[in-house]
Amino acid sequence: MDENNNVPEMDEELDNIIVLNDEDGKEVQFEFLDLVEYDQEEYVILLPVSEEGEEDLGEVVILKVEDTESEDEDSYVSVDDEEVLNAVFEIFKEKFKDEFNFVDED
């Protein structure tokens, strides 16, 4: 999933909402939760915004931040390394342990 972020200029309530394009070119909204640094790289933690009628699974998406030629834009790239994903998520969980109710799916 290689997308450029596109922050809509709406009202203050949506300041932390970003819109990315999926592999089919469809726009998908995400709530920006955090930016985590791991192994000298940056990763965004995003929560898909569920549309009315859809079940909210509460699963986050972790994407690696890569620079682009434009100073004003970053590119978000999917991460295939489970070890990196788990490490980044553990950092996020520790940082927000008092704000979110995390459920392990073991």
PDB file of N, CA and C in Angstrom:
ATOM      1  N   MET A   1       0.848  -1.165   0.000  1.00  0.00           N
ATOM      2  CA  MET A   1       0.000   0.000   0.000  1.00  0.00           C
ATOM      3  C   MET A   1       0.894   1.228   0.000  1.00  0.00           C
ATOM      4  N   ASP A   2       1.052   1.884  -1.077  1.00  0.00           N
ATOM      5  CA  ASP A   2       1.933   3.035  -1.195  1.00  0.00           C
ATOM      6  C   ASP A   2       1.069   4.237  -1.546  1.00  0.00           C
ATOM      7  N   GLU A   3       0.818   5.080  -0.564  1.00  0.00           N
ATOM      8  CA  GLU A   3      -0.074   6.198  -0.773  1.00  0.00           C
ATOM      9  C   GLU A   3       0.561   7.482  -0.289  1.00  0.00           C
ATOM     10  N   ASN A   4       0.046   8.594  -0.785  1.00  0.00           N
ATOM     11  CA  ASN A   4       0.433   9.894  -0.270  1.00  0.00           C
ATOM     12  C   ASN A   4      -0.671  10.378   0.636  1.00  0.00           C
ATOM     13  N   ASN A   5      -0.286  11.031   1.725  1.00  0.00           N
ATOM     14  CA  ASN A   5      -1.318  11.517   2.615  1.00  0.00           C
ATOM     15  C   ASN A   5      -1.968  12.758   2.031  1.00  0.00           C
ATOM     16  N   ASN A   6      -3.235  12.925   2.366  1.00  0.00           N
ATOM     17  CA  ASN A   6      -4.008  14.040   1.861  1.00  0.00           C
ATOM     18  C   ASN A   6      -4.911  14.478   2.994  1.00  0.00           C
ATOM     19  N   VAL A   7      -4.510  15.522   3.702  1.00  0.00           N
ATOM     20  CA  VAL A   7      -5.262  15.957   4.867  1.00  0.00           C
ATOM     21  C   VAL A   7      -6.353  16.924   4.416  1.00  0.00           C
ATOM     22  N   PRO A   8      -7.621  16.564   4.625  1.00  0.00           N
ATOM     23  CA  PRO A   8      -8.704  17.442   4.208  1.00  0.00           C
ATOM     24  C   PRO A   8      -8.799  18.680   5.083  1.00  0.00           C
ATOM     25  N   GLU A   9      -9.137  19.796   4.481  1.00  0.00           N
ATOM     26  CA  GLU A   9      -9.336  21.033   5.211  1.00  0.00           C
ATOM     27  C   GLU A   9     -10.814  21.152   5.535  1.00  0.00           C
ATOM     28  N   MET A  10     -11.252  20.497   6.613  1.00  0.00           N
ATOM     29  CA  MET A  10     -12.659  20.537   6.975  1.00  0.00           C
ATOM     30  C   MET A  10     -12.794  21.339   8.265  1.00  0.00           C
ATOM     31  N   ASP A  11     -13.456  20.792   9.252  1.00  0.00           N
ATOM     32  CA  ASP A  11     -13.563  21.499  10.514  1.00  0.00           C
ATOM     33  C   ASP A  11     -12.576  20.923  11.514  1.00  0.00           C
ATOM     34  N   GLU A  12     -12.476  21.574  12.693  1.00  0.00           N
ATOM     35  CA  GLU A  12     -11.489  21.171  13.691  1.00  0.00           C
ATOM     36  C   GLU A  12     -11.653  19.723  14.119  1.00  0.00           C
ATOM     37  N   GLU A  13     -12.866  19.222  14.105  1.00  0.00           N
ATOM     38  CA  GLU A  13     -13.152  17.864  14.535  1.00  0.00           C
ATOM     39  C   GLU A  13     -12.414  16.832  13.686  1.00  0.00           C
ATOM     40  N   LEU A  14     -12.126  17.161  12.443  1.00  0.00           N
ATOM     41  CA  LEU A  14     -11.492  16.224  11.524  1.00  0.00           C
ATOM     42  C   LEU A  14     -10.012  16.512  11.314  1.00  0.00           C
ATOM     43  N   ASP A  15      -9.396  17.292  12.196  1.00  0.00           N
ATOM     44  CA  ASP A  15      -7.990  17.642  12.032  1.00  0.00           C
ATOM     45  C   ASP A  15      -7.076  16.432  12.037  1.00  0.00           C
ATOM     46  N   ASN A  16      -7.463  15.371  12.719  1.00  0.00           N
ATOM     47  CA  ASN A  16      -6.593  14.201  12.788  1.00  0.00           C
ATOM     48  C   ASN A  16      -7.036  13.108  11.813  1.00  0.00           C
ATOM     49  N   ILE A  17      -7.836  13.461  10.816  1.00  0.00           N
ATOM     50  CA  ILE A  17      -8.281  12.512   9.803  1.00  0.00           C
ATOM     51  C   ILE A  17      -7.428  12.696   8.551  1.00  0.00           C
ATOM     52  N   ILE A  18      -6.889  11.582   8.057  1.00  0.00           N
ATOM     53  CA  ILE A  18      -6.168  11.639   6.782  1.00  0.00           C
ATOM     54  C   ILE A  18      -6.859  10.698   5.807  1.00  0.00           C
ATOM     55  N   VAL A  19      -6.723  11.007   4.539  1.00  0.00           N
ATOM     56  CA  VAL A  19      -7.336  10.198   3.489  1.00  0.00           C
ATOM     57  C   VAL A  19      -6.224   9.592   2.654  1.00  0.00           C
ATOM     58  N   LEU A  20      -6.245   8.277   2.517  1.00  0.00           N
ATOM     59  CA  LEU A  20      -5.273   7.568   1.694  1.00  0.00           C
ATOM     60  C   LEU A  20      -6.016   6.818   0.602  1.00  0.00           C
ATOM     61  N   ASN A  21      -5.319   6.511  -0.456  1.00  0.00           N
ATOM     62  CA  ASN A  21      -5.899   5.708  -1.535  1.00  0.00           C
ATOM     63  C   ASN A  21      -5.422   4.274  -1.385  1.00  0.00           C
ATOM     64  N   ASP A  22      -6.370   3.327  -1.445  1.00  0.00           N
ATOM     65  CA  ASP A  22      -5.976   1.924  -1.365  1.00  0.00           C
ATOM     66  C   ASP A  22      -5.482   1.445  -2.722  1.00  0.00           C
ATOM     67  N   GLU A  23      -5.152   0.154  -2.824  1.00  0.00           N
ATOM     68  CA  GLU A  23      -4.592  -0.384  -4.068  1.00  0.00           C
ATOM     69  C   GLU A  23      -5.564  -0.307  -5.240  1.00  0.00           C
ATOM     70  N   ASP A  24      -6.860  -0.133  -4.957  1.00  0.00           N
ATOM     71  CA  ASP A  24      -7.860   0.001  -6.020  1.00  0.00           C
ATOM     72  C   ASP A  24      -8.148   1.459  -6.366  1.00  0.00           C
ATOM     73  N   GLY A  25      -7.440   2.389  -5.719  1.00  0.00           N
ATOM     74  CA  GLY A  25      -7.651   3.803  -5.973  1.00  0.00           C
ATOM     75  C   GLY A  25      -8.801   4.398  -5.176  1.00  0.00           C
ATOM     76  N   LYS A  26      -9.404   3.603  -4.309  1.00  0.00           N
ATOM     77  CA  LYS A  26     -10.526   4.062  -3.481  1.00  0.00           C
ATOM     78  C   LYS A  26      -9.984   4.844  -2.286  1.00  0.00           C
ATOM     79  N   GLU A  27     -10.636   5.992  -1.974  1.00  0.00           N
ATOM     80  CA  GLU A  27     -10.221   6.785  -0.833  1.00  0.00           C
ATOM     81  C   GLU A  27     -10.707   6.139   0.461  1.00  0.00           C
ATOM     82  N   VAL A  28      -9.798   6.058   1.435  1.00  0.00           N
ATOM     83  CA  VAL A  28     -10.110   5.476   2.730  1.00  0.00           C
ATOM     84  C   VAL A  28      -9.688   6.479   3.799  1.00  0.00           C
ATOM     85  N   GLN A  29     -10.582   6.741   4.753  1.00  0.00           N
ATOM     86  CA  GLN A  29     -10.276   7.678   5.833  1.00  0.00           C
ATOM     87  C   GLN A  29      -9.705   6.948   7.033  1.00  0.00           C
ATOM     88  N   PHE A  30      -8.700   7.572   7.648  1.00  0.00           N
ATOM     89  CA  PHE A  30      -8.066   7.043   8.842  1.00  0.00           C
ATOM     90  C   PHE A  30      -7.947   8.151   9.872  1.00  0.00           C
ATOM     91  N   GLU A  31      -8.051   7.752  11.138  1.00  0.00           N
ATOM     92  CA  GLU A  31      -7.761   8.679  12.226  1.00  0.00           C
ATOM     93  C   GLU A  31      -6.293   8.502  12.585  1.00  0.00           C
ATOM     94  N   PHE A  32      -5.545   9.603  12.565  1.00  0.00           N
ATOM     95  CA  PHE A  32      -4.134   9.566  12.932  1.00  0.00           C
ATOM     96  C   PHE A  32      -4.041   9.454  14.449  1.00  0.00           C
ATOM     97  N   LEU A  33      -3.412   8.382  14.942  1.00  0.00           N
ATOM     98  CA  LEU A  33      -3.290   8.177  16.378  1.00  0.00           C
ATOM     99  C   LEU A  33      -1.936   8.596  16.921  1.00  0.00           C
ATOM    100  N   ASP A  34      -0.858   8.260  16.192  1.00  0.00           N
ATOM    101  CA  ASP A  34       0.471   8.570  16.716  1.00  0.00           C
ATOM    102  C   ASP A  34       1.533   8.386  15.644  1.00  0.00           C
ATOM    103  N   LEU A  35       2.681   8.975  15.920  1.00  0.00           N
ATOM    104  CA  LEU A  35       3.875   8.793  15.113  1.00  0.00           C
ATOM    105  C   LEU A  35       4.911   8.161  16.034  1.00  0.00           C
ATOM    106  N   VAL A  36       5.418   6.993  15.666  1.00  0.00           N
ATOM    107  CA  VAL A  36       6.347   6.236  16.505  1.00  0.00           C
ATOM    108  C   VAL A  36       7.685   6.121  15.783  1.00  0.00           C
ATOM    109  N   GLU A  37       8.762   6.378  16.523  1.00  0.00           N
ATOM    110  CA  GLU A  37      10.093   6.186  15.953  1.00  0.00           C
ATOM    111  C   GLU A  37      10.630   4.848  16.442  1.00  0.00           C
ATOM    112  N   TYR A  38      11.130   4.049  15.484  1.00  0.00           N
ATOM    113  CA  TYR A  38      11.706   2.752  15.808  1.00  0.00           C
ATOM    114  C   TYR A  38      12.853   2.476  14.848  1.00  0.00           C
ATOM    115  N   ASP A  39      14.002   2.133  15.385  1.00  0.00           N
ATOM    116  CA  ASP A  39      15.170   1.778  14.582  1.00  0.00           C
ATOM    117  C   ASP A  39      15.481   2.865  13.552  1.00  0.00           C
ATOM    118  N   GLN A  40      15.454   4.115  13.993  1.00  0.00           N
ATOM    119  CA  GLN A  40      15.765   5.293  13.184  1.00  0.00           C
ATOM    120  C   GLN A  40      14.813   5.498  12.003  1.00  0.00           C
ATOM    121  N   GLU A  41      13.641   4.916  12.083  1.00  0.00           N
ATOM    122  CA  GLU A  41      12.593   5.098  11.075  1.00  0.00           C
ATOM    123  C   GLU A  41      11.341   5.595  11.783  1.00  0.00           C
ATOM    124  N   GLU A  42      10.435   6.248  11.024  1.00  0.00           N
ATOM    125  CA  GLU A  42       9.183   6.708  11.599  1.00  0.00           C
ATOM    126  C   GLU A  42       8.024   5.904  11.033  1.00  0.00           C
ATOM    127  N   TYR A  43       7.052   5.627  11.914  1.00  0.00           N
ATOM    128  CA  TYR A  43       5.873   4.857  11.543  1.00  0.00           C
ATOM    129  C   TYR A  43       4.631   5.584  12.053  1.00  0.00           C
ATOM    130  N   VAL A  44       3.582   5.612  11.233  1.00  0.00           N
ATOM    131  CA  VAL A  44       2.325   6.194  11.674  1.00  0.00           C
ATOM    132  C   VAL A  44       1.399   5.074  12.130  1.00  0.00           C
ATOM    133  N   ILE A  45       0.644   5.372  13.175  1.00  0.00           N
ATOM    134  CA  ILE A  45      -0.378   4.451  13.675  1.00  0.00           C
ATOM    135  C   ILE A  45      -1.723   5.067  13.293  1.00  0.00           C
ATOM    136  N   LEU A  46      -2.478   4.349  12.474  1.00  0.00           N
ATOM    137  CA  LEU A  46      -3.748   4.858  11.957  1.00  0.00           C
ATOM    138  C   LEU A  46      -4.887   3.914  12.333  1.00  0.00           C
ATOM    139  N   LEU A  47      -6.053   4.507  12.579  1.00  0.00           N
ATOM    140  CA  LEU A  47      -7.248   3.732  12.865  1.00  0.00           C
ATOM    141  C   LEU A  47      -8.245   3.986  11.746  1.00  0.00           C
ATOM    142  N   PRO A  48      -8.632   2.938  11.004  1.00  0.00           N
ATOM    143  CA  PRO A  48      -9.611   3.140   9.930  1.00  0.00           C
ATOM    144  C   PRO A  48     -10.910   3.729  10.493  1.00  0.00           C
ATOM    145  N   VAL A  49     -11.438   4.735   9.805  1.00  0.00           N
ATOM    146  CA  VAL A  49     -12.698   5.336  10.204  1.00  0.00           C
ATOM    147  C   VAL A  49     -13.806   4.491   9.606  1.00  0.00           C
ATOM    148  N   SER A  50     -14.611   3.903  10.481  1.00  0.00           N
ATOM    149  CA  SER A  50     -15.685   3.039   9.978  1.00  0.00           C
ATOM    150  C   SER A  50     -16.848   3.894   9.500  1.00  0.00           C
ATOM    151  N   GLU A  51     -17.415   3.477   8.389  1.00  0.00           N
ATOM    152  CA  GLU A  51     -18.568   4.183   7.847  1.00  0.00           C
ATOM    153  C   GLU A  51     -19.814   3.671   8.540  1.00  0.00           C
ATOM    154  N   GLU A  52     -20.879   4.444   8.455  1.00  0.00           N
ATOM    155  CA  GLU A  52     -22.117   4.029   9.113  1.00  0.00           C
ATOM    156  C   GLU A  52     -22.532   2.650   8.621  1.00  0.00           C
ATOM    157  N   GLY A  53     -22.918   1.812   9.549  1.00  0.00           N
ATOM    158  CA  GLY A  53     -23.345   0.461   9.199  1.00  0.00           C
ATOM    159  C   GLY A  53     -22.228  -0.554   9.227  1.00  0.00           C
ATOM    160  N   GLU A  54     -20.967  -0.087   9.219  1.00  0.00           N
ATOM    161  CA  GLU A  54     -19.830  -1.007   9.275  1.00  0.00           C
ATOM    162  C   GLU A  54     -19.467  -1.268  10.731  1.00  0.00           C
ATOM    163  N   GLU A  55     -19.001  -2.480  11.002  1.00  0.00           N
ATOM    164  CA  GLU A  55     -18.553  -2.819  12.348  1.00  0.00           C
ATOM    165  C   GLU A  55     -17.160  -2.249  12.562  1.00  0.00           C
ATOM    166  N   ASP A  56     -16.948  -1.598  13.704  1.00  0.00           N
ATOM    167  CA  ASP A  56     -15.642  -1.048  14.047  1.00  0.00           C
ATOM    168  C   ASP A  56     -14.831  -2.137  14.734  1.00  0.00           C
ATOM    169  N   LEU A  57     -13.797  -2.640  14.051  1.00  0.00           N
ATOM    170  CA  LEU A  57     -12.981  -3.718  14.599  1.00  0.00           C
ATOM    171  C   LEU A  57     -11.912  -3.213  15.559  1.00  0.00           C
ATOM    172  N   GLY A  58     -11.610  -1.917  15.502  1.00  0.00           N
ATOM    173  CA  GLY A  58     -10.618  -1.350  16.400  1.00  0.00           C
ATOM    174  C   GLY A  58      -9.202  -1.751  16.082  1.00  0.00           C
ATOM    175  N   GLU A  59      -8.967  -2.272  14.887  1.00  0.00           N
ATOM    176  CA  GLU A  59      -7.622  -2.681  14.494  1.00  0.00           C
ATOM    177  C   GLU A  59      -6.905  -1.499  13.852  1.00  0.00           C
ATOM    178  N   VAL A  60      -5.666  -1.284  14.266  1.00  0.00           N
ATOM    179  CA  VAL A  60      -4.892  -0.179  13.713  1.00  0.00           C
ATOM    180  C   VAL A  60      -4.095  -0.628  12.497  1.00  0.00           C
ATOM    181  N   VAL A  61      -3.692   0.349  11.728  1.00  0.00           N
ATOM    182  CA  VAL A  61      -2.825   0.136  10.567  1.00  0.00           C
ATOM    183  C   VAL A  61      -1.510   0.841  10.866  1.00  0.00           C
ATOM    184  N   ILE A  62      -0.403   0.157  10.645  1.00  0.00           N
ATOM    185  CA  ILE A  62       0.915   0.742  10.857  1.00  0.00           C
ATOM    186  C   ILE A  62       1.601   0.848   9.501  1.00  0.00           C
ATOM    187  N   LEU A  63       1.991   2.070   9.154  1.00  0.00           N
ATOM    188  CA  LEU A  63       2.662   2.322   7.879  1.00  0.00           C
ATOM    189  C   LEU A  63       3.972   3.053   8.121  1.00  0.00           C
ATOM    190  N   LYS A  64       4.965   2.743   7.325  1.00  0.00           N
ATOM    191  CA  LYS A  64       6.262   3.407   7.421  1.00  0.00           C
ATOM    192  C   LYS A  64       6.191   4.738   6.679  1.00  0.00           C
ATOM    193  N   VAL A  65       6.792   5.765   7.274  1.00  0.00           N
ATOM    194  CA  VAL A  65       6.829   7.092   6.661  1.00  0.00           C
ATOM    195  C   VAL A  65       8.099   7.186   5.822  1.00  0.00           C
ATOM    196  N   GLU A  66       7.920   7.543   4.558  1.00  0.00           N
ATOM    197  CA  GLU A  66       9.070   7.754   3.680  1.00  0.00           C
ATOM    198  C   GLU A  66       8.988   9.154   3.103  1.00  0.00           C
ATOM    199  N   ASP A  67      10.145   9.793   2.991  1.00  0.00           N
ATOM    200  CA  ASP A  67      10.199  11.129   2.409  1.00  0.00           C
ATOM    201  C   ASP A  67       9.914  11.064   0.916  1.00  0.00           C
ATOM    202  N   THR A  68       9.364  12.147   0.407  1.00  0.00           N
ATOM    203  CA  THR A  68       9.163  12.287  -1.032  1.00  0.00           C
ATOM    204  C   THR A  68       9.977  13.491  -1.490  1.00  0.00           C
ATOM    205  N   GLU A  69       9.939  13.760  -2.765  1.00  0.00           N
ATOM    206  CA  GLU A  69      10.668  14.915  -3.284  1.00  0.00           C
ATOM    207  C   GLU A  69      10.061  16.225  -2.790  1.00  0.00           C
ATOM    208  N   SER A  70       8.796  16.195  -2.453  1.00  0.00           N
ATOM    209  CA  SER A  70       8.106  17.376  -1.952  1.00  0.00           C
ATOM    210  C   SER A  70       8.343  17.522  -0.455  1.00  0.00           C
ATOM    211  N   GLU A  71       8.687  18.740  -0.016  1.00  0.00           N
ATOM    212  CA  GLU A  71       8.892  18.999   1.404  1.00  0.00           C
ATOM    213  C   GLU A  71       7.602  18.855   2.199  1.00  0.00           C
ATOM    214  N   ASP A  72       6.474  19.123   1.564  1.00  0.00           N
ATOM    215  CA  ASP A  72       5.187  19.168   2.255  1.00  0.00           C
ATOM    216  C   ASP A  72       4.476  17.823   2.320  1.00  0.00           C
ATOM    217  N   GLU A  73       5.009  16.805   1.680  1.00  0.00           N
ATOM    218  CA  GLU A  73       4.320  15.515   1.611  1.00  0.00           C
ATOM    219  C   GLU A  73       5.228  14.372   2.000  1.00  0.00           C
ATOM    220  N   ASP A  74       4.642  13.411   2.679  1.00  0.00           N
ATOM    221  CA  ASP A  74       5.321  12.155   2.977  1.00  0.00           C
ATOM    222  C   ASP A  74       4.560  11.051   2.280  1.00  0.00           C
ATOM    223  N   SER A  75       5.212   9.934   2.121  1.00  0.00           N
ATOM    224  CA  SER A  75       4.575   8.756   1.554  1.00  0.00           C
ATOM    225  C   SER A  75       4.474   7.714   2.653  1.00  0.00           C
ATOM    226  N   TYR A  76       3.337   7.035   2.731  1.00  0.00           N
ATOM    227  CA  TYR A  76       3.148   5.970   3.712  1.00  0.00           C
ATOM    228  C   TYR A  76       3.202   4.639   2.982  1.00  0.00           C
ATOM    229  N   VAL A  77       4.052   3.740   3.478  1.00  0.00           N
ATOM    230  CA  VAL A  77       4.289   2.464   2.814  1.00  0.00           C
ATOM    231  C   VAL A  77       3.994   1.326   3.787  1.00  0.00           C
ATOM    232  N   SER A  78       3.366   0.275   3.277  1.00  0.00           N
ATOM    233  CA  SER A  78       3.048  -0.866   4.137  1.00  0.00           C
ATOM    234  C   SER A  78       4.328  -1.548   4.615  1.00  0.00           C
ATOM    235  N   VAL A  79       4.219  -2.193   5.771  1.00  0.00           N
ATOM    236  CA  VAL A  79       5.351  -2.877   6.396  1.00  0.00           C
ATOM    237  C   VAL A  79       5.048  -4.363   6.406  1.00  0.00           C
ATOM    238  N   ASP A  80       5.939  -5.162   5.844  1.00  0.00           N
ATOM    239  CA  ASP A  80       5.740  -6.607   5.777  1.00  0.00           C
ATOM    240  C   ASP A  80       6.425  -7.369   6.909  1.00  0.00           C
ATOM    241  N   ASP A  81       7.365  -6.719   7.597  1.00  0.00           N
ATOM    242  CA  ASP A  81       8.153  -7.373   8.638  1.00  0.00           C
ATOM    243  C   ASP A  81       7.348  -7.427   9.948  1.00  0.00           C
ATOM    244  N   GLU A  82       6.897  -8.642  10.316  1.00  0.00           N
ATOM    245  CA  GLU A  82       6.084  -8.824  11.532  1.00  0.00           C
ATOM    246  C   GLU A  82       6.817  -8.353  12.783  1.00  0.00           C
ATOM    247  N   GLU A  83       8.119  -8.574  12.823  1.00  0.00           N
ATOM    248  CA  GLU A  83       8.909  -8.173  13.985  1.00  0.00           C
ATOM    249  C   GLU A  83       8.875  -6.653  14.164  1.00  0.00           C
ATOM    250  N   VAL A  84       9.015  -5.922  13.072  1.00  0.00           N
ATOM    251  CA  VAL A  84       8.959  -4.456  13.122  1.00  0.00           C
ATOM    252  C   VAL A  84       7.562  -3.997  13.524  1.00  0.00           C
ATOM    253  N   LEU A  85       6.537  -4.593  12.913  1.00  0.00           N
ATOM    254  CA  LEU A  85       5.154  -4.227  13.248  1.00  0.00           C
ATOM    255  C   LEU A  85       4.877  -4.435  14.732  1.00  0.00           C
ATOM    256  N   ASN A  86       5.287  -5.583  15.254  1.00  0.00           N
ATOM    257  CA  ASN A  86       5.064  -5.876  16.669  1.00  0.00           C
ATOM    258  C   ASN A  86       5.821  -4.919  17.580  1.00  0.00           C
ATOM    259  N   ALA A  87       7.053  -4.585  17.224  1.00  0.00           N
ATOM    260  CA  ALA A  87       7.852  -3.667  18.041  1.00  0.00           C
ATOM    261  C   ALA A  87       7.238  -2.273  18.055  1.00  0.00           C
ATOM    262  N   VAL A  88       6.806  -1.798  16.892  1.00  0.00           N
ATOM    263  CA  VAL A  88       6.184  -0.479  16.796  1.00  0.00           C
ATOM    264  C   VAL A  88       4.879  -0.463  17.590  1.00  0.00           C
ATOM    265  N   PHE A  89       4.083  -1.529  17.471  1.00  0.00           N
ATOM    266  CA  PHE A  89       2.815  -1.585  18.186  1.00  0.00           C
ATOM    267  C   PHE A  89       3.034  -1.635  19.702  1.00  0.00           C
ATOM    268  N   GLU A  90       4.074  -2.342  20.143  1.00  0.00           N
ATOM    269  CA  GLU A  90       4.382  -2.398  21.580  1.00  0.00           C
ATOM    270  C   GLU A  90       4.743  -1.012  22.110  1.00  0.00           C
ATOM    271  N   ILE A  91       5.500  -0.242  21.343  1.00  0.00           N
ATOM    272  CA  ILE A  91       5.843   1.132  21.737  1.00  0.00           C
ATOM    273  C   ILE A  91       4.563   1.958  21.855  1.00  0.00           C
ATOM    274  N   PHE A  92       3.685   1.830  20.868  1.00  0.00           N
ATOM    275  CA  PHE A  92       2.405   2.549  20.874  1.00  0.00           C
ATOM    276  C   PHE A  92       1.563   2.142  22.089  1.00  0.00           C
ATOM    277  N   LYS A  93       1.473   0.830  22.356  1.00  0.00           N
ATOM    278  CA  LYS A  93       0.671   0.342  23.482  1.00  0.00           C
ATOM    279  C   LYS A  93       1.200   0.878  24.814  1.00  0.00           C
ATOM    280  N   GLU A  94       2.503   0.887  24.970  1.00  0.00           N
ATOM    281  CA  GLU A  94       3.095   1.385  26.216  1.00  0.00           C
ATOM    282  C   GLU A  94       2.804   2.880  26.390  1.00  0.00           C
ATOM    283  N   LYS A  95       2.908   3.617  25.314  1.00  0.00           N
ATOM    284  CA  LYS A  95       2.694   5.065  25.340  1.00  0.00           C
ATOM    285  C   LYS A  95       1.243   5.419  25.686  1.00  0.00           C
ATOM    286  N   PHE A  96       0.299   4.599  25.220  1.00  0.00           N
ATOM    287  CA  PHE A  96      -1.123   4.914  25.388  1.00  0.00           C
ATOM    288  C   PHE A  96      -1.866   3.906  26.258  1.00  0.00           C
ATOM    289  N   LYS A  97      -1.158   3.208  27.143  1.00  0.00           N
ATOM    290  CA  LYS A  97      -1.786   2.172  27.958  1.00  0.00           C
ATOM    291  C   LYS A  97      -2.905   2.706  28.842  1.00  0.00           C
ATOM    292  N   ASP A  98      -2.854   3.984  29.198  1.00  0.00           N
ATOM    293  CA  ASP A  98      -3.882   4.561  30.057  1.00  0.00           C
ATOM    294  C   ASP A  98      -5.044   5.155  29.266  1.00  0.00           C
ATOM    295  N   GLU A  99      -4.887   5.273  27.943  1.00  0.00           N
ATOM    296  CA  GLU A  99      -5.934   5.900  27.124  1.00  0.00           C
ATOM    297  C   GLU A  99      -6.763   4.914  26.323  1.00  0.00           C
ATOM    298  N   PHE A 100      -6.200   3.753  26.009  1.00  0.00           N
ATOM    299  CA  PHE A 100      -6.894   2.755  25.198  1.00  0.00           C
ATOM    300  C   PHE A 100      -6.994   1.447  25.964  1.00  0.00           C
ATOM    301  N   ASN A 101      -8.018   0.677  25.651  1.00  0.00           N
ATOM    302  CA  ASN A 101      -8.181  -0.648  26.227  1.00  0.00           C
ATOM    303  C   ASN A 101      -7.724  -1.668  25.184  1.00  0.00           C
ATOM    304  N   PHE A 102      -6.473  -2.090  25.287  1.00  0.00           N
ATOM    305  CA  PHE A 102      -5.911  -3.009  24.305  1.00  0.00           C
ATOM    306  C   PHE A 102      -6.343  -4.443  24.612  1.00  0.00           C
ATOM    307  N   VAL A 103      -6.704  -5.196  23.566  1.00  0.00           N
ATOM    308  CA  VAL A 103      -7.115  -6.584  23.720  1.00  0.00           C
ATOM    309  C   VAL A 103      -6.170  -7.445  22.880  1.00  0.00           C
ATOM    310  N   ASP A 104      -5.513  -8.387  23.536  1.00  0.00           N
ATOM    311  CA  ASP A 104      -4.640  -9.317  22.807  1.00  0.00           C
ATOM    312  C   ASP A 104      -5.489 -10.402  22.158  1.00  0.00           C
ATOM    313  N   GLU A 105      -5.151 -10.753  20.916  1.00  0.00           N
ATOM    314  CA  GLU A 105      -5.894 -11.780  20.186  1.00  0.00           C
ATOM    315  C   GLU A 105      -5.106 -13.068  20.121  1.00  0.00           C
ATOM    316  N   ASP A 106      -4.679 -13.588  21.246  1.00  0.00           N
ATOM    317  CA  ASP A 106      -3.909 -14.847  21.264  1.00  0.00           C
ATOM    318  C   ASP A 106      -4.814 -16.039  21.336  1.00  0.00           C
TER     319      ASP A 106
END
